[in-house]
Amino acid sequence: MDIKAAVTHDKGEDFKIEDVQLDEPKHDEVLIKIVATGVCHTDAVARDQDVPVPLPAVLGHEGAGIVEKVGEGIRSVAPGDHVVLLSLHAGIVKIAIPAILLTVWNLTSSILAAS
């Protein structure tokens, strides 16, 4: 599918919004429509190659959004759930989420469990 993503092609280059291809979610992946995100220090360090990553790259590991599709092995969230993405360690999320260790938290369940 066609999506838009912030891409950096060379060391220190500004991020540019570009059209990229995204595969359908695999067995253990979740497709999330991102509605809020930011660029953090880890993204800038990776862009600047202080932490070497293959370029071009789509960086980022923080965000919030709405689940659109889930792989057949996913049981913790469902389409329509509002979620927050949290990296278990500083890293880089490729186009397919989760490409690194990510925890998808269902906000409603987390709030109810805490009360």
N, C-alpha and C. Protein backbone atom coordinates (compact mmCIF):
# COMPACT_ATOMS: atom_id res chain seq x y z
N MET A 1 0.84 -1.19 0.00
CA MET A 1 0.00 0.00 0.00
C MET A 1 0.88 1.24 0.00
N ASP A 2 0.35 2.33 -0.49
CA ASP A 2 1.07 3.60 -0.52
C ASP A 2 0.83 4.36 0.78
N ILE A 3 1.92 4.84 1.38
CA ILE A 3 1.81 5.68 2.58
C ILE A 3 2.77 6.86 2.43
N LYS A 4 2.65 7.82 3.32
CA LYS A 4 3.60 8.93 3.38
C LYS A 4 4.46 8.73 4.62
N ALA A 5 5.77 9.02 4.48
CA ALA A 5 6.69 8.85 5.60
C ALA A 5 7.78 9.91 5.52
N ALA A 6 8.37 10.23 6.67
CA ALA A 6 9.51 11.14 6.74
C ALA A 6 10.76 10.31 6.48
N VAL A 7 11.45 10.61 5.37
CA VAL A 7 12.60 9.82 4.93
C VAL A 7 13.86 10.68 4.93
N THR A 8 14.98 10.09 5.35
CA THR A 8 16.28 10.74 5.19
C THR A 8 17.14 9.84 4.30
N HIS A 9 17.80 10.44 3.32
CA HIS A 9 18.57 9.68 2.34
C HIS A 9 20.07 9.69 2.60
N ASP A 10 20.58 10.75 3.21
CA ASP A 10 22.02 10.88 3.41
C ASP A 10 22.31 11.42 4.80
N LYS A 11 23.54 11.20 5.26
CA LYS A 11 23.98 11.65 6.58
C LYS A 11 23.66 13.14 6.77
N GLY A 12 22.93 13.44 7.85
CA GLY A 12 22.62 14.82 8.20
C GLY A 12 21.56 15.50 7.36
N GLU A 13 21.01 14.79 6.39
CA GLU A 13 20.00 15.38 5.50
C GLU A 13 18.68 15.59 6.25
N ASP A 14 17.99 16.68 5.93
CA ASP A 14 16.67 16.91 6.51
C ASP A 14 15.73 15.77 6.13
N PHE A 15 14.77 15.51 7.01
CA PHE A 15 13.72 14.55 6.68
C PHE A 15 12.80 15.17 5.63
N LYS A 16 12.37 14.36 4.67
CA LYS A 16 11.44 14.81 3.64
C LYS A 16 10.24 13.87 3.64
N ILE A 17 9.05 14.45 3.52
CA ILE A 17 7.84 13.63 3.43
C ILE A 17 7.76 13.08 2.02
N GLU A 18 7.72 11.73 1.92
CA GLU A 18 7.72 11.06 0.62
C GLU A 18 6.68 9.94 0.60
N ASP A 19 6.29 9.55 -0.60
CA ASP A 19 5.45 8.36 -0.77
C ASP A 19 6.35 7.13 -0.72
N VAL A 20 5.97 6.15 0.10
CA VAL A 20 6.71 4.89 0.19
C VAL A 20 5.72 3.73 0.18
N GLN A 21 6.23 2.54 -0.07
CA GLN A 21 5.40 1.34 -0.09
C GLN A 21 5.46 0.64 1.27
N LEU A 22 4.33 0.17 1.74
CA LEU A 22 4.23 -0.56 3.00
C LEU A 22 3.54 -1.88 2.74
N ASP A 23 4.15 -2.98 3.20
CA ASP A 23 3.53 -4.29 3.07
C ASP A 23 2.35 -4.43 4.03
N GLU A 24 1.48 -5.37 3.75
CA GLU A 24 0.41 -5.71 4.69
C GLU A 24 1.05 -6.27 5.96
N PRO A 25 0.39 -6.13 7.11
CA PRO A 25 0.98 -6.65 8.36
C PRO A 25 1.19 -8.16 8.29
N LYS A 26 2.35 -8.58 8.80
CA LYS A 26 2.65 -10.01 8.91
C LYS A 26 1.98 -10.57 10.16
N HIS A 27 2.20 -11.84 10.42
CA HIS A 27 1.58 -12.59 11.52
C HIS A 27 1.64 -11.83 12.86
N ASP A 28 2.80 -11.24 13.16
CA ASP A 28 3.01 -10.61 14.46
C ASP A 28 3.13 -9.09 14.38
N GLU A 29 2.53 -8.49 13.36
CA GLU A 29 2.63 -7.05 13.18
C GLU A 29 1.27 -6.38 13.26
N VAL A 30 1.32 -5.07 13.53
CA VAL A 30 0.12 -4.25 13.65
C VAL A 30 0.28 -3.04 12.72
N LEU A 31 -0.73 -2.74 11.94
CA LEU A 31 -0.74 -1.53 11.12
C LEU A 31 -1.51 -0.46 11.87
N ILE A 32 -0.83 0.66 12.12
CA ILE A 32 -1.41 1.74 12.91
C ILE A 32 -1.41 3.02 12.08
N LYS A 33 -2.57 3.66 12.02
CA LYS A 33 -2.63 5.00 11.41
C LYS A 33 -2.11 5.97 12.45
N ILE A 34 -0.93 6.52 12.19
CA ILE A 34 -0.30 7.43 13.14
C ILE A 34 -0.99 8.79 13.08
N VAL A 35 -1.41 9.28 14.26
CA VAL A 35 -2.07 10.58 14.32
C VAL A 35 -1.23 11.61 15.08
N ALA A 36 -0.21 11.14 15.82
CA ALA A 36 0.70 12.06 16.51
C ALA A 36 2.06 11.38 16.65
N THR A 37 3.10 12.12 16.34
CA THR A 37 4.46 11.61 16.47
C THR A 37 5.41 12.78 16.57
N GLY A 38 6.66 12.47 16.82
CA GLY A 38 7.67 13.51 16.89
C GLY A 38 9.01 12.95 16.46
N VAL A 39 9.97 13.82 16.34
CA VAL A 39 11.34 13.41 16.05
C VAL A 39 12.13 13.62 17.33
N CYS A 40 12.70 12.56 17.86
CA CYS A 40 13.43 12.67 19.12
C CYS A 40 14.93 12.66 18.86
N HIS A 41 15.70 12.78 19.92
CA HIS A 41 17.16 12.80 19.84
C HIS A 41 17.71 11.55 19.15
N THR A 42 17.14 10.38 19.44
CA THR A 42 17.60 9.14 18.83
C THR A 42 17.46 9.18 17.32
N ASP A 43 16.36 9.76 16.83
CA ASP A 43 16.17 9.89 15.38
C ASP A 43 17.24 10.78 14.77
N ALA A 44 17.54 11.89 15.42
CA ALA A 44 18.56 12.82 14.91
C ALA A 44 19.94 12.16 14.92
N VAL A 45 20.26 11.42 15.98
CA VAL A 45 21.55 10.72 16.07
C VAL A 45 21.68 9.68 14.96
N ALA A 46 20.61 8.96 14.68
CA ALA A 46 20.63 7.97 13.59
C ALA A 46 20.75 8.66 12.24
N ARG A 47 20.00 9.72 12.05
CA ARG A 47 20.08 10.47 10.79
C ARG A 47 21.50 10.96 10.54
N ASP A 48 22.14 11.43 11.61
CA ASP A 48 23.49 11.98 11.49
C ASP A 48 24.57 10.89 11.49
N GLN A 49 24.17 9.64 11.57
CA GLN A 49 25.05 8.47 11.51
C GLN A 49 25.97 8.34 12.72
N ASP A 50 25.63 8.98 13.85
CA ASP A 50 26.36 8.73 15.09
C ASP A 50 26.06 7.31 15.57
N VAL A 51 24.89 6.83 15.24
CA VAL A 51 24.51 5.42 15.36
C VAL A 51 24.27 4.97 13.93
N PRO A 52 25.17 4.15 13.37
CA PRO A 52 25.04 3.80 11.95
C PRO A 52 23.76 3.02 11.65
N VAL A 53 23.03 3.50 10.68
CA VAL A 53 21.84 2.80 10.17
C VAL A 53 21.91 2.84 8.64
N PRO A 54 21.33 1.83 8.00
CA PRO A 54 21.31 1.87 6.53
C PRO A 54 20.45 3.03 6.04
N LEU A 55 20.93 3.75 5.06
CA LEU A 55 20.18 4.85 4.47
C LEU A 55 19.82 4.49 3.03
N PRO A 56 18.69 4.92 2.50
CA PRO A 56 17.71 5.80 3.15
C PRO A 56 16.99 5.08 4.30
N ALA A 57 16.42 5.89 5.19
CA ALA A 57 15.74 5.33 6.35
C ALA A 57 14.49 6.13 6.70
N VAL A 58 13.52 5.43 7.24
CA VAL A 58 12.36 6.03 7.89
C VAL A 58 12.58 5.78 9.37
N LEU A 59 12.81 6.83 10.13
CA LEU A 59 13.14 6.69 11.54
C LEU A 59 11.93 7.02 12.40
N GLY A 60 12.01 6.66 13.66
CA GLY A 60 10.95 6.98 14.60
C GLY A 60 10.55 5.76 15.40
N HIS A 61 10.23 5.98 16.65
CA HIS A 61 9.80 4.88 17.51
C HIS A 61 8.83 5.36 18.58
N GLU A 62 8.26 6.53 18.38
CA GLU A 62 7.27 7.06 19.32
C GLU A 62 6.07 7.54 18.52
N GLY A 63 4.90 7.32 19.06
CA GLY A 63 3.72 7.82 18.37
C GLY A 63 2.44 7.35 19.03
N ALA A 64 1.35 7.86 18.51
CA ALA A 64 0.02 7.46 18.95
C ALA A 64 -0.85 7.37 17.71
N GLY A 65 -1.80 6.45 17.73
CA GLY A 65 -2.65 6.30 16.57
C GLY A 65 -3.78 5.33 16.78
N ILE A 66 -4.33 4.89 15.67
CA ILE A 66 -5.50 4.00 15.67
C ILE A 66 -5.14 2.75 14.89
N VAL A 67 -5.38 1.60 15.49
CA VAL A 67 -5.10 0.32 14.84
C VAL A 67 -6.02 0.18 13.62
N GLU A 68 -5.41 -0.09 12.45
CA GLU A 68 -6.19 -0.32 11.24
C GLU A 68 -6.29 -1.80 10.89
N LYS A 69 -5.19 -2.55 11.05
CA LYS A 69 -5.17 -3.98 10.74
C LYS A 69 -4.23 -4.67 11.71
N VAL A 70 -4.49 -5.95 11.96
CA VAL A 70 -3.58 -6.73 12.80
C VAL A 70 -3.25 -8.04 12.10
N GLY A 71 -2.03 -8.55 12.37
CA GLY A 71 -1.66 -9.87 11.88
C GLY A 71 -2.44 -10.93 12.63
N GLU A 72 -2.50 -12.11 12.05
CA GLU A 72 -3.33 -13.17 12.64
C GLU A 72 -2.86 -13.61 14.02
N GLY A 73 -1.61 -13.33 14.40
CA GLY A 73 -1.11 -13.72 15.71
C GLY A 73 -1.32 -12.67 16.79
N ILE A 74 -1.88 -11.54 16.46
CA ILE A 74 -2.06 -10.44 17.43
C ILE A 74 -3.40 -10.61 18.15
N ARG A 75 -3.34 -10.58 19.49
CA ARG A 75 -4.55 -10.73 20.29
C ARG A 75 -4.79 -9.56 21.24
N SER A 76 -3.76 -8.71 21.43
CA SER A 76 -3.86 -7.67 22.46
C SER A 76 -4.56 -6.39 21.98
N VAL A 77 -4.64 -6.18 20.67
CA VAL A 77 -5.33 -5.00 20.14
C VAL A 77 -6.15 -5.43 18.94
N ALA A 78 -7.10 -4.59 18.56
CA ALA A 78 -7.98 -4.88 17.43
C ALA A 78 -8.18 -3.60 16.62
N PRO A 79 -8.58 -3.73 15.36
CA PRO A 79 -8.85 -2.53 14.55
C PRO A 79 -9.81 -1.59 15.30
N GLY A 80 -9.46 -0.30 15.26
CA GLY A 80 -10.27 0.71 15.94
C GLY A 80 -9.72 1.11 17.30
N ASP A 81 -8.85 0.29 17.91
CA ASP A 81 -8.26 0.63 19.20
C ASP A 81 -7.34 1.84 19.06
N HIS A 82 -7.37 2.71 20.05
CA HIS A 82 -6.44 3.85 20.13
C HIS A 82 -5.23 3.37 20.92
N VAL A 83 -4.03 3.55 20.37
CA VAL A 83 -2.83 2.98 20.97
C VAL A 83 -1.69 3.99 21.03
N VAL A 84 -0.73 3.70 21.90
CA VAL A 84 0.52 4.44 22.02
C VAL A 84 1.64 3.46 21.73
N LEU A 85 2.64 3.88 20.94
CA LEU A 85 3.79 3.05 20.65
C LEU A 85 4.91 3.41 21.59
N LEU A 86 5.50 2.41 22.22
CA LEU A 86 6.62 2.63 23.13
C LEU A 86 7.74 1.68 22.75
N SER A 87 8.94 2.20 22.59
CA SER A 87 10.10 1.36 22.31
C SER A 87 10.64 0.83 23.62
N LEU A 88 10.97 -0.45 23.65
CA LEU A 88 11.56 -1.03 24.86
C LEU A 88 13.03 -0.66 24.99
N HIS A 89 13.62 -0.18 23.92
CA HIS A 89 14.98 0.35 23.91
C HIS A 89 15.08 1.33 22.77
N ALA A 90 16.05 2.21 22.86
CA ALA A 90 16.22 3.17 21.78
C ALA A 90 16.53 2.41 20.50
N GLY A 91 15.82 2.73 19.45
CA GLY A 91 16.04 2.00 18.21
C GLY A 91 15.33 2.66 17.07
N ILE A 92 15.26 1.94 15.99
CA ILE A 92 14.69 2.47 14.76
C ILE A 92 13.56 1.58 14.32
N VAL A 93 12.44 2.16 14.03
CA VAL A 93 11.30 1.42 13.51
C VAL A 93 11.33 1.56 12.00
N LYS A 94 11.38 0.44 11.31
CA LYS A 94 11.32 0.50 9.85
C LYS A 94 9.87 0.74 9.47
N ILE A 95 9.56 0.67 8.20
CA ILE A 95 8.20 0.95 7.75
C ILE A 95 7.19 0.03 8.43
N ALA A 96 7.47 -1.25 8.50
CA ALA A 96 6.53 -2.18 9.12
C ALA A 96 6.67 -2.12 10.63
N ILE A 97 5.57 -1.93 11.30
CA ILE A 97 5.57 -1.87 12.76
C ILE A 97 5.09 -3.21 13.29
N PRO A 98 5.72 -3.90 14.20
CA PRO A 98 6.95 -3.49 14.87
C PRO A 98 8.17 -4.12 14.21
N ALA A 99 9.12 -3.32 13.84
CA ALA A 99 10.38 -3.81 13.27
C ALA A 99 11.44 -3.97 14.35
N ILE A 100 11.27 -3.27 15.48
CA ILE A 100 12.10 -3.52 16.65
C ILE A 100 11.14 -3.92 17.77
N LEU A 101 11.64 -4.14 18.94
CA LEU A 101 10.77 -4.51 20.05
C LEU A 101 9.87 -3.35 20.42
N LEU A 102 8.61 -3.47 20.08
CA LEU A 102 7.64 -2.43 20.41
C LEU A 102 6.53 -3.04 21.26
N THR A 103 6.02 -2.27 22.15
CA THR A 103 4.85 -2.67 22.90
C THR A 103 3.70 -1.78 22.47
N VAL A 104 2.60 -2.38 22.08
CA VAL A 104 1.42 -1.62 21.72
C VAL A 104 0.48 -1.68 22.90
N TRP A 105 0.17 -0.53 23.45
CA TRP A 105 -0.67 -0.47 24.63
C TRP A 105 -2.05 0.01 24.22
N ASN A 106 -3.05 -0.75 24.60
CA ASN A 106 -4.42 -0.33 24.40
C ASN A 106 -4.75 0.64 25.52
N LEU A 107 -4.95 1.91 25.19
CA LEU A 107 -5.15 2.94 26.22
C LEU A 107 -6.33 2.64 27.11
N THR A 108 -7.44 2.19 26.55
CA THR A 108 -8.62 1.91 27.35
C THR A 108 -8.33 0.81 28.36
N SER A 109 -7.73 -0.28 27.92
CA SER A 109 -7.41 -1.40 28.84
C SER A 109 -6.44 -0.97 29.91
N SER A 110 -5.42 -0.17 29.54
CA SER A 110 -4.43 0.28 30.51
C SER A 110 -5.07 1.16 31.57
N ILE A 111 -5.97 2.04 31.18
CA ILE A 111 -6.64 2.93 32.13
C ILE A 111 -7.54 2.11 33.06
N LEU A 112 -8.30 1.17 32.49
CA LEU A 112 -9.18 0.35 33.32
C LEU A 112 -8.39 -0.52 34.28
N ALA A 113 -7.26 -1.08 33.82
CA ALA A 113 -6.45 -1.94 34.68
C ALA A 113 -5.82 -1.15 35.83
N ALA A 114 -5.56 0.13 35.61
CA ALA A 114 -4.93 0.96 36.63
C ALA A 114 -5.93 1.46 37.66
N SER A 115 -7.24 1.43 37.33
CA SER A 115 -8.21 1.98 38.28
C SER A 115 -8.76 0.94 39.22
